[in-house]
Amino acid sequence: MADVDTDKMKSREVKGRNGTEGEIFGEAKPGSPFSKIEIGMPQKQVSDLVGARDADCGSYVTGKAWIPFHFGGDKYRTECAYKGLGRLVFSSNSDFDSRAVLIKIINDPSEDGYR
């Protein structure tokens, strides 16, 4: 995604399932797999809808991992790149729940599918 500058893309902040706050960049094409997903969906459900085999996924640590006594979520994120669709970013809501939910959708038809 080095070719896409999300600072220049139109984005909107949204509240999704269970009050999960997230961000959506661009618009999904009608009928595309990304048009079926929404912020707050569990990673497994998104994988079932979009297709896990088509993704190049990887995880990274956020700055919140280094905050002492921070028991909230978002200490690590998982990012998945889908060729011709864009990227999806997942994070956990709390330290005590390992279930990752969708927090960011980057719609980008020029995505090459590699992280």
PDB file of N, CA and C in Angstrom:
ATOM      1  N   MET A   1       0.814  -1.183   0.000  1.00  0.00           N
ATOM      2  CA  MET A   1       0.000   0.000   0.000  1.00  0.00           C
ATOM      3  C   MET A   1       0.859   1.249   0.000  1.00  0.00           C
ATOM      4  N   ALA A   2       2.107   1.129  -0.285  1.00  0.00           N
ATOM      5  CA  ALA A   2       3.002   2.269  -0.292  1.00  0.00           C
ATOM      6  C   ALA A   2       2.549   3.334  -1.291  1.00  0.00           C
ATOM      7  N   ASP A   3       1.826   2.935  -2.332  1.00  0.00           N
ATOM      8  CA  ASP A   3       1.382   3.874  -3.348  1.00  0.00           C
ATOM      9  C   ASP A   3       0.199   4.718  -2.901  1.00  0.00           C
ATOM     10  N   VAL A   4      -0.519   4.280  -1.872  1.00  0.00           N
ATOM     11  CA  VAL A   4      -1.719   4.995  -1.431  1.00  0.00           C
ATOM     12  C   VAL A   4      -1.402   5.818  -0.195  1.00  0.00           C
ATOM     13  N   ASP A   5      -1.750   7.087  -0.249  1.00  0.00           N
ATOM     14  CA  ASP A   5      -1.567   7.981   0.882  1.00  0.00           C
ATOM     15  C   ASP A   5      -2.931   8.194   1.527  1.00  0.00           C
ATOM     16  N   THR A   6      -3.170   7.522   2.676  1.00  0.00           N
ATOM     17  CA  THR A   6      -4.483   7.630   3.310  1.00  0.00           C
ATOM     18  C   THR A   6      -4.786   9.044   3.776  1.00  0.00           C
ATOM     19  N   ASP A   7      -3.766   9.890   3.928  1.00  0.00           N
ATOM     20  CA  ASP A   7      -4.001  11.284   4.306  1.00  0.00           C
ATOM     21  C   ASP A   7      -4.771  12.024   3.213  1.00  0.00           C
ATOM     22  N   LYS A   8      -4.631  11.569   1.969  1.00  0.00           N
ATOM     23  CA  LYS A   8      -5.297  12.228   0.854  1.00  0.00           C
ATOM     24  C   LYS A   8      -6.625  11.574   0.499  1.00  0.00           C
ATOM     25  N   MET A   9      -6.919  10.423   1.115  1.00  0.00           N
ATOM     26  CA  MET A   9      -8.168   9.722   0.838  1.00  0.00           C
ATOM     27  C   MET A   9      -9.288  10.288   1.706  1.00  0.00           C
ATOM     28  N   LYS A  10     -10.490  10.294   1.164  1.00  0.00           N
ATOM     29  CA  LYS A  10     -11.659  10.714   1.938  1.00  0.00           C
ATOM     30  C   LYS A  10     -11.936   9.638   2.988  1.00  0.00           C
ATOM     31  N   SER A  11     -12.074  10.058   4.225  1.00  0.00           N
ATOM     32  CA  SER A  11     -12.344   9.099   5.297  1.00  0.00           C
ATOM     33  C   SER A  11     -13.485   9.593   6.172  1.00  0.00           C
ATOM     34  N   ARG A  12     -14.038   8.644   6.917  1.00  0.00           N
ATOM     35  CA  ARG A  12     -15.078   9.012   7.880  1.00  0.00           C
ATOM     36  C   ARG A  12     -14.948   8.120   9.099  1.00  0.00           C
ATOM     37  N   GLU A  13     -15.165   8.714  10.252  1.00  0.00           N
ATOM     38  CA  GLU A  13     -15.150   7.961  11.496  1.00  0.00           C
ATOM     39  C   GLU A  13     -16.566   7.467  11.743  1.00  0.00           C
ATOM     40  N   VAL A  14     -16.677   6.209  12.164  1.00  0.00           N
ATOM     41  CA  VAL A  14     -17.989   5.608  12.361  1.00  0.00           C
ATOM     42  C   VAL A  14     -18.015   4.818  13.668  1.00  0.00           C
ATOM     43  N   LYS A  15     -19.219   4.589  14.153  1.00  0.00           N
ATOM     44  CA  LYS A  15     -19.438   3.665  15.264  1.00  0.00           C
ATOM     45  C   LYS A  15     -20.099   2.441  14.666  1.00  0.00           C
ATOM     46  N   GLY A  16     -19.493   1.290  14.930  1.00  0.00           N
ATOM     47  CA  GLY A  16     -20.008   0.054  14.367  1.00  0.00           C
ATOM     48  C   GLY A  16     -20.675  -0.805  15.417  1.00  0.00           C
ATOM     49  N   ARG A  17     -20.609  -2.084  15.208  1.00  0.00           N
ATOM     50  CA  ARG A  17     -21.216  -3.047  16.126  1.00  0.00           C
ATOM     51  C   ARG A  17     -20.687  -2.889  17.534  1.00  0.00           C
ATOM     52  N   ASN A  18     -21.580  -3.030  18.487  1.00  0.00           N
ATOM     53  CA  ASN A  18     -21.245  -2.948  19.914  1.00  0.00           C
ATOM     54  C   ASN A  18     -20.517  -1.661  20.278  1.00  0.00           C
ATOM     55  N   GLY A  19     -20.785  -0.585  19.535  1.00  0.00           N
ATOM     56  CA  GLY A  19     -20.183   0.712  19.830  1.00  0.00           C
ATOM     57  C   GLY A  19     -18.720   0.840  19.446  1.00  0.00           C
ATOM     58  N   THR A  20     -18.195  -0.109  18.671  1.00  0.00           N
ATOM     59  CA  THR A  20     -16.788  -0.058  18.254  1.00  0.00           C
ATOM     60  C   THR A  20     -16.559   1.150  17.362  1.00  0.00           C
ATOM     61  N   GLU A  21     -15.571   1.967  17.723  1.00  0.00           N
ATOM     62  CA  GLU A  21     -15.222   3.130  16.916  1.00  0.00           C
ATOM     63  C   GLU A  21     -14.228   2.714  15.850  1.00  0.00           C
ATOM     64  N   GLY A  22     -14.421   3.215  14.639  1.00  0.00           N
ATOM     65  CA  GLY A  22     -13.526   2.857  13.550  1.00  0.00           C
ATOM     66  C   GLY A  22     -13.486   3.919  12.484  1.00  0.00           C
ATOM     67  N   GLU A  23     -12.771   3.616  11.428  1.00  0.00           N
ATOM     68  CA  GLU A  23     -12.564   4.574  10.346  1.00  0.00           C
ATOM     69  C   GLU A  23     -12.654   3.844   9.017  1.00  0.00           C
ATOM     70  N   ILE A  24     -13.300   4.493   8.048  1.00  0.00           N
ATOM     71  CA  ILE A  24     -13.438   3.933   6.712  1.00  0.00           C
ATOM     72  C   ILE A  24     -12.867   4.924   5.718  1.00  0.00           C
ATOM     73  N   PHE A  25     -11.933   4.449   4.888  1.00  0.00           N
ATOM     74  CA  PHE A  25     -11.330   5.265   3.837  1.00  0.00           C
ATOM     75  C   PHE A  25     -11.928   4.851   2.501  1.00  0.00           C
ATOM     76  N   GLY A  26     -12.352   5.827   1.717  1.00  0.00           N
ATOM     77  CA  GLY A  26     -12.905   5.536   0.400  1.00  0.00           C
ATOM     78  C   GLY A  26     -14.253   4.832   0.491  1.00  0.00           C
ATOM     79  N   GLU A  27     -14.729   4.370  -0.653  1.00  0.00           N
ATOM     80  CA  GLU A  27     -16.023   3.680  -0.744  1.00  0.00           C
ATOM     81  C   GLU A  27     -15.821   2.323  -1.404  1.00  0.00           C
ATOM     82  N   ALA A  28     -16.493   1.314  -0.874  1.00  0.00           N
ATOM     83  CA  ALA A  28     -16.454  -0.022  -1.475  1.00  0.00           C
ATOM     84  C   ALA A  28     -17.324  -0.021  -2.730  1.00  0.00           C
ATOM     85  N   LYS A  29     -16.860  -0.718  -3.755  1.00  0.00           N
ATOM     86  CA  LYS A  29     -17.668  -0.853  -4.958  1.00  0.00           C
ATOM     87  C   LYS A  29     -18.877  -1.727  -4.648  1.00  0.00           C
ATOM     88  N   PRO A  30     -20.041  -1.382  -5.189  1.00  0.00           N
ATOM     89  CA  PRO A  30     -21.218  -2.227  -4.959  1.00  0.00           C
ATOM     90  C   PRO A  30     -20.936  -3.663  -5.415  1.00  0.00           C
ATOM     91  N   GLY A  31     -21.305  -4.610  -4.587  1.00  0.00           N
ATOM     92  CA  GLY A  31     -21.103  -6.015  -4.915  1.00  0.00           C
ATOM     93  C   GLY A  31     -19.742  -6.571  -4.535  1.00  0.00           C
ATOM     94  N   SER A  32     -18.812  -5.695  -4.118  1.00  0.00           N
ATOM     95  CA  SER A  32     -17.500  -6.189  -3.717  1.00  0.00           C
ATOM     96  C   SER A  32     -17.592  -6.819  -2.327  1.00  0.00           C
ATOM     97  N   PRO A  33     -16.661  -7.719  -1.982  1.00  0.00           N
ATOM     98  CA  PRO A  33     -16.679  -8.324  -0.649  1.00  0.00           C
ATOM     99  C   PRO A  33     -16.602  -7.291   0.475  1.00  0.00           C
ATOM    100  N   PHE A  34     -15.912  -6.168   0.250  1.00  0.00           N
ATOM    101  CA  PHE A  34     -15.791  -5.138   1.278  1.00  0.00           C
ATOM    102  C   PHE A  34     -17.131  -4.438   1.546  1.00  0.00           C
ATOM    103  N   SER A  35     -18.066  -4.507   0.610  1.00  0.00           N
ATOM    104  CA  SER A  35     -19.375  -3.873   0.823  1.00  0.00           C
ATOM    105  C   SER A  35     -20.229  -4.666   1.815  1.00  0.00           C
ATOM    106  N   LYS A  36     -19.802  -5.892   2.154  1.00  0.00           N
ATOM    107  CA  LYS A  36     -20.557  -6.761   3.067  1.00  0.00           C
ATOM    108  C   LYS A  36     -20.108  -6.645   4.519  1.00  0.00           C
ATOM    109  N   ILE A  37     -19.049  -5.896   4.774  1.00  0.00           N
ATOM    110  CA  ILE A  37     -18.483  -5.859   6.124  1.00  0.00           C
ATOM    111  C   ILE A  37     -18.751  -4.522   6.799  1.00  0.00           C
ATOM    112  N   GLU A  38     -18.607  -4.506   8.132  1.00  0.00           N
ATOM    113  CA  GLU A  38     -18.798  -3.271   8.876  1.00  0.00           C
ATOM    114  C   GLU A  38     -17.871  -3.244  10.090  1.00  0.00           C
ATOM    115  N   ILE A  39     -17.575  -2.054  10.530  1.00  0.00           N
ATOM    116  CA  ILE A  39     -16.727  -1.855  11.700  1.00  0.00           C
ATOM    117  C   ILE A  39     -17.332  -2.605  12.891  1.00  0.00           C
ATOM    118  N   GLY A  40     -16.465  -3.257  13.663  1.00  0.00           N
ATOM    119  CA  GLY A  40     -16.903  -3.986  14.851  1.00  0.00           C
ATOM    120  C   GLY A  40     -17.127  -5.466  14.622  1.00  0.00           C
ATOM    121  N   MET A  41     -17.102  -5.914  13.365  1.00  0.00           N
ATOM    122  CA  MET A  41     -17.268  -7.342  13.089  1.00  0.00           C
ATOM    123  C   MET A  41     -16.045  -8.109  13.576  1.00  0.00           C
ATOM    124  N   PRO A  42     -16.246  -9.314  14.116  1.00  0.00           N
ATOM    125  CA  PRO A  42     -15.101 -10.142  14.511  1.00  0.00           C
ATOM    126  C   PRO A  42     -14.280 -10.559  13.288  1.00  0.00           C
ATOM    127  N   GLN A  43     -12.982 -10.745  13.490  1.00  0.00           N
ATOM    128  CA  GLN A  43     -12.083 -11.087  12.397  1.00  0.00           C
ATOM    129  C   GLN A  43     -12.512 -12.364  11.673  1.00  0.00           C
ATOM    130  N   LYS A  44     -12.968 -13.350  12.391  1.00  0.00           N
ATOM    131  CA  LYS A  44     -13.391 -14.610  11.772  1.00  0.00           C
ATOM    132  C   LYS A  44     -14.581 -14.387  10.845  1.00  0.00           C
ATOM    133  N   GLN A  45     -15.539 -13.581  11.273  1.00  0.00           N
ATOM    134  CA  GLN A  45     -16.710 -13.309  10.434  1.00  0.00           C
ATOM    135  C   GLN A  45     -16.300 -12.560   9.163  1.00  0.00           C
ATOM    136  N   VAL A  46     -15.399 -11.598   9.301  1.00  0.00           N
ATOM    137  CA  VAL A  46     -14.915 -10.857   8.136  1.00  0.00           C
ATOM    138  C   VAL A  46     -14.198 -11.811   7.190  1.00  0.00           C
ATOM    139  N   SER A  47     -13.360 -12.692   7.730  1.00  0.00           N
ATOM    140  CA  SER A  47     -12.643 -13.667   6.899  1.00  0.00           C
ATOM    141  C   SER A  47     -13.610 -14.565   6.145  1.00  0.00           C
ATOM    142  N   ASP A  48     -14.683 -14.967   6.802  1.00  0.00           N
ATOM    143  CA  ASP A  48     -15.675 -15.808   6.136  1.00  0.00           C
ATOM    144  C   ASP A  48     -16.360 -15.068   4.993  1.00  0.00           C
ATOM    145  N   LEU A  49     -16.610 -13.770   5.159  1.00  0.00           N
ATOM    146  CA  LEU A  49     -17.293 -12.985   4.131  1.00  0.00           C
ATOM    147  C   LEU A  49     -16.365 -12.577   2.983  1.00  0.00           C
ATOM    148  N   VAL A  50     -15.143 -12.195   3.316  1.00  0.00           N
ATOM    149  CA  VAL A  50     -14.223 -11.660   2.311  1.00  0.00           C
ATOM    150  C   VAL A  50     -13.322 -12.746   1.723  1.00  0.00           C
ATOM    151  N   GLY A  51     -12.945 -13.714   2.547  1.00  0.00           N
ATOM    152  CA  GLY A  51     -12.068 -14.788   2.088  1.00  0.00           C
ATOM    153  C   GLY A  51     -10.692 -14.660   2.694  1.00  0.00           C
ATOM    154  N   ALA A  52     -10.362 -15.541   3.619  1.00  0.00           N
ATOM    155  CA  ALA A  52      -9.072 -15.472   4.310  1.00  0.00           C
ATOM    156  C   ALA A  52      -7.917 -15.900   3.413  1.00  0.00           C
ATOM    157  N   ARG A  53      -8.161 -16.793   2.471  1.00  0.00           N
ATOM    158  CA  ARG A  53      -7.073 -17.293   1.622  1.00  0.00           C
ATOM    159  C   ARG A  53      -6.516 -16.224   0.706  1.00  0.00           C
ATOM    160  N   ASP A  54      -7.304 -15.215   0.426  1.00  0.00           N
ATOM    161  CA  ASP A  54      -6.884 -14.165  -0.507  1.00  0.00           C
ATOM    162  C   ASP A  54      -6.112 -13.039   0.167  1.00  0.00           C
ATOM    163  N   ALA A  55      -5.836 -13.164   1.466  1.00  0.00           N
ATOM    164  CA  ALA A  55      -5.245 -12.057   2.213  1.00  0.00           C
ATOM    165  C   ALA A  55      -3.798 -12.320   2.591  1.00  0.00           C
ATOM    166  N   ASP A  56      -3.015 -11.246   2.632  1.00  0.00           N
ATOM    167  CA  ASP A  56      -1.670 -11.267   3.197  1.00  0.00           C
ATOM    168  C   ASP A  56      -1.784 -10.509   4.519  1.00  0.00           C
ATOM    169  N   CYS A  57      -1.765 -11.255   5.637  1.00  0.00           N
ATOM    170  CA  CYS A  57      -1.993 -10.663   6.962  1.00  0.00           C
ATOM    171  C   CYS A  57      -0.724 -10.673   7.807  1.00  0.00           C
ATOM    172  N   GLY A  58      -0.627  -9.697   8.679  1.00  0.00           N
ATOM    173  CA  GLY A  58       0.472  -9.619   9.627  1.00  0.00           C
ATOM    174  C   GLY A  58       0.070  -8.752  10.803  1.00  0.00           C
ATOM    175  N   SER A  59       0.753  -8.933  11.928  1.00  0.00           N
ATOM    176  CA  SER A  59       0.432  -8.189  13.145  1.00  0.00           C
ATOM    177  C   SER A  59       1.566  -7.258  13.534  1.00  0.00           C
ATOM    178  N   TYR A  60       1.225  -6.216  14.280  1.00  0.00           N
ATOM    179  CA  TYR A  60       2.228  -5.288  14.797  1.00  0.00           C
ATOM    180  C   TYR A  60       1.763  -4.735  16.133  1.00  0.00           C
ATOM    181  N   VAL A  61       2.700  -4.280  16.924  1.00  0.00           N
ATOM    182  CA  VAL A  61       2.428  -3.731  18.245  1.00  0.00           C
ATOM    183  C   VAL A  61       2.181  -2.231  18.111  1.00  0.00           C
ATOM    184  N   THR A  62       1.248  -1.708  18.908  1.00  0.00           N
ATOM    185  CA  THR A  62       1.000  -0.264  18.931  1.00  0.00           C
ATOM    186  C   THR A  62       1.693   0.343  20.147  1.00  0.00           C
ATOM    187  N   GLY A  63       1.712   1.634  20.244  1.00  0.00           N
ATOM    188  CA  GLY A  63       2.333   2.316  21.375  1.00  0.00           C
ATOM    189  C   GLY A  63       1.655   2.023  22.705  1.00  0.00           C
ATOM    190  N   LYS A  64       0.391   1.622  22.668  1.00  0.00           N
ATOM    191  CA  LYS A  64      -0.330   1.325  23.905  1.00  0.00           C
ATOM    192  C   LYS A  64       0.245   0.110  24.630  1.00  0.00           C
ATOM    193  N   ALA A  65       0.982  -0.725  23.934  1.00  0.00           N
ATOM    194  CA  ALA A  65       1.585  -1.906  24.562  1.00  0.00           C
ATOM    195  C   ALA A  65       2.637  -1.510  25.592  1.00  0.00           C
ATOM    196  N   TRP A  66       3.157  -0.306  25.491  1.00  0.00           N
ATOM    197  CA  TRP A  66       4.245   0.130  26.378  1.00  0.00           C
ATOM    198  C   TRP A  66       3.754   1.017  27.519  1.00  0.00           C
ATOM    199  N   ILE A  67       2.440   1.224  27.621  1.00  0.00           N
ATOM    200  CA  ILE A  67       1.885   2.039  28.699  1.00  0.00           C
ATOM    201  C   ILE A  67       1.702   1.155  29.937  1.00  0.00           C
ATOM    202  N   PRO A  68       2.399   1.446  31.035  1.00  0.00           N
ATOM    203  CA  PRO A  68       2.236   0.620  32.246  1.00  0.00           C
ATOM    204  C   PRO A  68       0.800   0.670  32.755  1.00  0.00           C
ATOM    205  N   PHE A  69       0.307  -0.449  33.171  1.00  0.00           N
ATOM    206  CA  PHE A  69      -1.031  -0.592  33.749  1.00  0.00           C
ATOM    207  C   PHE A  69      -2.161  -0.227  32.785  1.00  0.00           C
ATOM    208  N   HIS A  70      -1.897  -0.305  31.493  1.00  0.00           N
ATOM    209  CA  HIS A  70      -2.961  -0.117  30.491  1.00  0.00           C
ATOM    210  C   HIS A  70      -3.576  -1.484  30.226  1.00  0.00           C
ATOM    211  N   PHE A  71      -4.806  -1.680  30.684  1.00  0.00           N
ATOM    212  CA  PHE A  71      -5.473  -2.960  30.510  1.00  0.00           C
ATOM    213  C   PHE A  71      -6.521  -2.918  29.410  1.00  0.00           C
ATOM    214  N   GLY A  72      -6.582  -1.806  28.711  1.00  0.00           N
ATOM    215  CA  GLY A  72      -7.509  -1.687  27.588  1.00  0.00           C
ATOM    216  C   GLY A  72      -6.957  -2.409  26.374  1.00  0.00           C
ATOM    217  N   GLY A  73      -7.673  -2.331  25.311  1.00  0.00           N
ATOM    218  CA  GLY A  73      -7.283  -3.008  24.082  1.00  0.00           C
ATOM    219  C   GLY A  73      -6.339  -2.181  23.235  1.00  0.00           C
ATOM    220  N   ASP A  74      -6.256  -2.571  21.984  1.00  0.00           N
ATOM    221  CA  ASP A  74      -5.473  -1.891  20.955  1.00  0.00           C
ATOM    222  C   ASP A  74      -3.976  -1.892  21.234  1.00  0.00           C
ATOM    223  N   LYS A  75      -3.478  -2.953  21.880  1.00  0.00           N
ATOM    224  CA  LYS A  75      -2.033  -3.072  22.101  1.00  0.00           C
ATOM    225  C   LYS A  75      -1.343  -3.658  20.875  1.00  0.00           C
ATOM    226  N   TYR A  76      -2.089  -4.403  20.091  1.00  0.00           N
ATOM    227  CA  TYR A  76      -1.557  -4.932  18.844  1.00  0.00           C
ATOM    228  C   TYR A  76      -2.666  -4.907  17.809  1.00  0.00           C
ATOM    229  N   ARG A  77      -2.275  -4.883  16.561  1.00  0.00           N
ATOM    230  CA  ARG A  77      -3.236  -4.861  15.460  1.00  0.00           C
ATOM    231  C   ARG A  77      -2.829  -5.901  14.426  1.00  0.00           C
ATOM    232  N   THR A  78      -3.818  -6.368  13.696  1.00  0.00           N
ATOM    233  CA  THR A  78      -3.583  -7.269  12.580  1.00  0.00           C
ATOM    234  C   THR A  78      -4.088  -6.568  11.330  1.00  0.00           C
ATOM    235  N   GLU A  79      -3.244  -6.511  10.315  1.00  0.00           N
ATOM    236  CA  GLU A  79      -3.589  -5.852   9.060  1.00  0.00           C
ATOM    237  C   GLU A  79      -3.581  -6.893   7.943  1.00  0.00           C
ATOM    238  N   CYS A  80      -4.623  -6.888   7.132  1.00  0.00           N
ATOM    239  CA  CYS A  80      -4.733  -7.822   6.018  1.00  0.00           C
ATOM    240  C   CYS A  80      -4.890  -7.043   4.716  1.00  0.00           C
ATOM    241  N   ALA A  81      -4.072  -7.389   3.722  1.00  0.00           N
ATOM    242  CA  ALA A  81      -4.124  -6.750   2.413  1.00  0.00           C
ATOM    243  C   ALA A  81      -4.807  -7.691   1.423  1.00  0.00           C
ATOM    244  N   TYR A  82      -5.768  -7.169   0.672  1.00  0.00           N
ATOM    245  CA  TYR A  82      -6.518  -7.937  -0.319  1.00  0.00           C
ATOM    246  C   TYR A  82      -6.312  -7.301  -1.686  1.00  0.00           C
ATOM    247  N   LYS A  83      -5.757  -8.072  -2.614  1.00  0.00           N
ATOM    248  CA  LYS A  83      -5.473  -7.562  -3.954  1.00  0.00           C
ATOM    249  C   LYS A  83      -6.749  -7.045  -4.623  1.00  0.00           C
ATOM    250  N   GLY A  84      -6.676  -5.821  -5.130  1.00  0.00           N
ATOM    251  CA  GLY A  84      -7.784  -5.215  -5.848  1.00  0.00           C
ATOM    252  C   GLY A  84      -8.923  -4.704  -4.977  1.00  0.00           C
ATOM    253  N   LEU A  85      -8.810  -4.877  -3.643  1.00  0.00           N
ATOM    254  CA  LEU A  85      -9.870  -4.422  -2.746  1.00  0.00           C
ATOM    255  C   LEU A  85      -9.403  -3.369  -1.759  1.00  0.00           C
ATOM    256  N   GLY A  86      -8.283  -3.624  -1.090  1.00  0.00           N
ATOM    257  CA  GLY A  86      -7.777  -2.700  -0.087  1.00  0.00           C
ATOM    258  C   GLY A  86      -7.237  -3.430   1.118  1.00  0.00           C
ATOM    259  N   ARG A  87      -7.326  -2.791   2.282  1.00  0.00           N
ATOM    260  CA  ARG A  87      -6.796  -3.347   3.523  1.00  0.00           C
ATOM    261  C   ARG A  87      -7.825  -3.264   4.640  1.00  0.00           C
ATOM    262  N   LEU A  88      -7.693  -4.211   5.573  1.00  0.00           N
ATOM    263  CA  LEU A  88      -8.534  -4.244   6.755  1.00  0.00           C
ATOM    264  C   LEU A  88      -7.631  -4.311   7.969  1.00  0.00           C
ATOM    265  N   VAL A  89      -7.986  -3.579   9.031  1.00  0.00           N
ATOM    266  CA  VAL A  89      -7.190  -3.563  10.259  1.00  0.00           C
ATOM    267  C   VAL A  89      -8.089  -3.994  11.416  1.00  0.00           C
ATOM    268  N   PHE A  90      -7.559  -4.939  12.222  1.00  0.00           N
ATOM    269  CA  PHE A  90      -8.284  -5.494  13.354  1.00  0.00           C
ATOM    270  C   PHE A  90      -7.528  -5.202  14.643  1.00  0.00           C
ATOM    271  N   SER A  91      -8.278  -5.081  15.751  1.00  0.00           N
ATOM    272  CA  SER A  91      -7.675  -4.870  17.057  1.00  0.00           C
ATOM    273  C   SER A  91      -8.574  -5.494  18.119  1.00  0.00           C
ATOM    274  N   SER A  92      -7.968  -5.807  19.276  1.00  0.00           N
ATOM    275  CA  SER A  92      -8.769  -6.334  20.388  1.00  0.00           C
ATOM    276  C   SER A  92      -9.344  -5.164  21.184  1.00  0.00           C
ATOM    277  N   ASN A  93     -10.480  -5.384  21.809  1.00  0.00           N
ATOM    278  CA  ASN A  93     -11.135  -4.331  22.592  1.00  0.00           C
ATOM    279  C   ASN A  93     -10.608  -4.241  24.009  1.00  0.00           C
ATOM    280  N   SER A  94      -9.996  -5.319  24.504  1.00  0.00           N
ATOM    281  CA  SER A  94      -9.504  -5.303  25.872  1.00  0.00           C
ATOM    282  C   SER A  94      -8.389  -6.315  26.045  1.00  0.00           C
ATOM    283  N   ASP A  95      -7.626  -6.148  27.116  1.00  0.00           N
ATOM    284  CA  ASP A  95      -6.549  -7.080  27.443  1.00  0.00           C
ATOM    285  C   ASP A  95      -7.086  -8.458  27.796  1.00  0.00           C
ATOM    286  N   PHE A  96      -8.329  -8.512  28.199  1.00  0.00           N
ATOM    287  CA  PHE A  96      -8.904  -9.751  28.713  1.00  0.00           C
ATOM    288  C   PHE A  96      -9.752 -10.468  27.675  1.00  0.00           C
ATOM    289  N   ASP A  97      -9.730  -9.998  26.431  1.00  0.00           N
ATOM    290  CA  ASP A  97     -10.488 -10.615  25.350  1.00  0.00           C
ATOM    291  C   ASP A  97      -9.590 -10.654  24.121  1.00  0.00           C
ATOM    292  N   SER A  98      -9.233 -11.835  23.675  1.00  0.00           N
ATOM    293  CA  SER A  98      -8.312 -11.950  22.547  1.00  0.00           C
ATOM    294  C   SER A  98      -9.015 -11.835  21.194  1.00  0.00           C
ATOM    295  N   ARG A  99     -10.321 -11.702  21.195  1.00  0.00           N
ATOM    296  CA  ARG A  99     -11.073 -11.609  19.938  1.00  0.00           C
ATOM    297  C   ARG A  99     -10.796 -10.269  19.274  1.00  0.00           C
ATOM    298  N   ALA A 100     -10.334 -10.312  18.046  1.00  0.00           N
ATOM    299  CA  ALA A 100     -10.047  -9.092  17.299  1.00  0.00           C
ATOM    300  C   ALA A 100     -11.274  -8.678  16.496  1.00  0.00           C
ATOM    301  N   VAL A 101     -11.517  -7.364  16.446  1.00  0.00           N
ATOM    302  CA  VAL A 101     -12.636  -6.821  15.681  1.00  0.00           C
ATOM    303  C   VAL A 101     -12.120  -5.809  14.668  1.00  0.00           C
ATOM    304  N   LEU A 102     -12.890  -5.608  13.626  1.00  0.00           N
ATOM    305  CA  LEU A 102     -12.520  -4.694  12.547  1.00  0.00           C
ATOM    306  C   LEU A 102     -12.615  -3.247  13.020  1.00  0.00           C
ATOM    307  N   ILE A 103     -11.508  -2.492  12.874  1.00  0.00           N
ATOM    308  CA  ILE A 103     -11.513  -1.083  13.284  1.00  0.00           C
ATOM    309  C   ILE A 103     -11.213  -0.126  12.122  1.00  0.00           C
ATOM    310  N   LYS A 104     -10.698  -0.652  11.004  1.00  0.00           N
ATOM    311  CA  LYS A 104     -10.378   0.238   9.884  1.00  0.00           C
ATOM    312  C   LYS A 104     -10.568  -0.504   8.564  1.00  0.00           C
ATOM    313  N   ILE A 105     -11.227   0.167   7.631  1.00  0.00           N
ATOM    314  CA  ILE A 105     -11.413  -0.350   6.274  1.00  0.00           C
ATOM    315  C   ILE A 105     -10.794   0.655   5.318  1.00  0.00           C
ATOM    316  N   ILE A 106      -9.849   0.199   4.511  1.00  0.00           N
ATOM    317  CA  ILE A 106      -9.230   1.057   3.500  1.00  0.00           C
ATOM    318  C   ILE A 106      -9.610   0.488   2.136  1.00  0.00           C
ATOM    319  N   ASN A 107     -10.571   1.118   1.484  1.00  0.00           N
ATOM    320  CA  ASN A 107     -11.008   0.691   0.157  1.00  0.00           C
ATOM    321  C   ASN A 107     -10.035   1.253  -0.873  1.00  0.00           C
ATOM    322  N   ASP A 108      -9.345   0.375  -1.578  1.00  0.00           N
ATOM    323  CA  ASP A 108      -8.338   0.800  -2.546  1.00  0.00           C
ATOM    324  C   ASP A 108      -8.245  -0.226  -3.669  1.00  0.00           C
ATOM    325  N   PRO A 109      -8.895   0.036  -4.799  1.00  0.00           N
ATOM    326  CA  PRO A 109      -8.859  -0.923  -5.909  1.00  0.00           C
ATOM    327  C   PRO A 109      -7.463  -1.116  -6.514  1.00  0.00           C
ATOM    328  N   SER A 110      -6.513  -0.238  -6.193  1.00  0.00           N
ATOM    329  CA  SER A 110      -5.148  -0.393  -6.715  1.00  0.00           C
ATOM    330  C   SER A 110      -4.252  -1.191  -5.771  1.00  0.00           C
ATOM    331  N   GLU A 111      -4.808  -1.725  -4.674  1.00  0.00           N
ATOM    332  CA  GLU A 111      -4.034  -2.510  -3.696  1.00  0.00           C
ATOM    333  C   GLU A 111      -3.398  -3.713  -4.398  1.00  0.00           C
ATOM    334  N   ASP A 112      -2.082  -3.905  -4.165  1.00  0.00           N
ATOM    335  CA  ASP A 112      -1.384  -5.019  -4.794  1.00  0.00           C
ATOM    336  C   ASP A 112      -1.494  -6.322  -3.994  1.00  0.00           C
ATOM    337  N   GLY A 113      -2.012  -6.260  -2.769  1.00  0.00           N
ATOM    338  CA  GLY A 113      -2.247  -7.458  -1.996  1.00  0.00           C
ATOM    339  C   GLY A 113      -1.085  -7.936  -1.163  1.00  0.00           C
ATOM    340  N   TYR A 114      -0.022  -7.145  -1.099  1.00  0.00           N
ATOM    341  CA  TYR A 114       1.159  -7.532  -0.304  1.00  0.00           C
ATOM    342  C   TYR A 114       1.405  -6.492   0.780  1.00  0.00           C
ATOM    343  N   ARG A 115       1.724  -6.998   1.983  1.00  0.00           N
ATOM    344  CA  ARG A 115       2.040  -6.095   3.082  1.00  0.00           C
ATOM    345  C   ARG A 115       3.451  -5.599   2.972  1.00  0.00           C
TER     346      ARG A 115
END
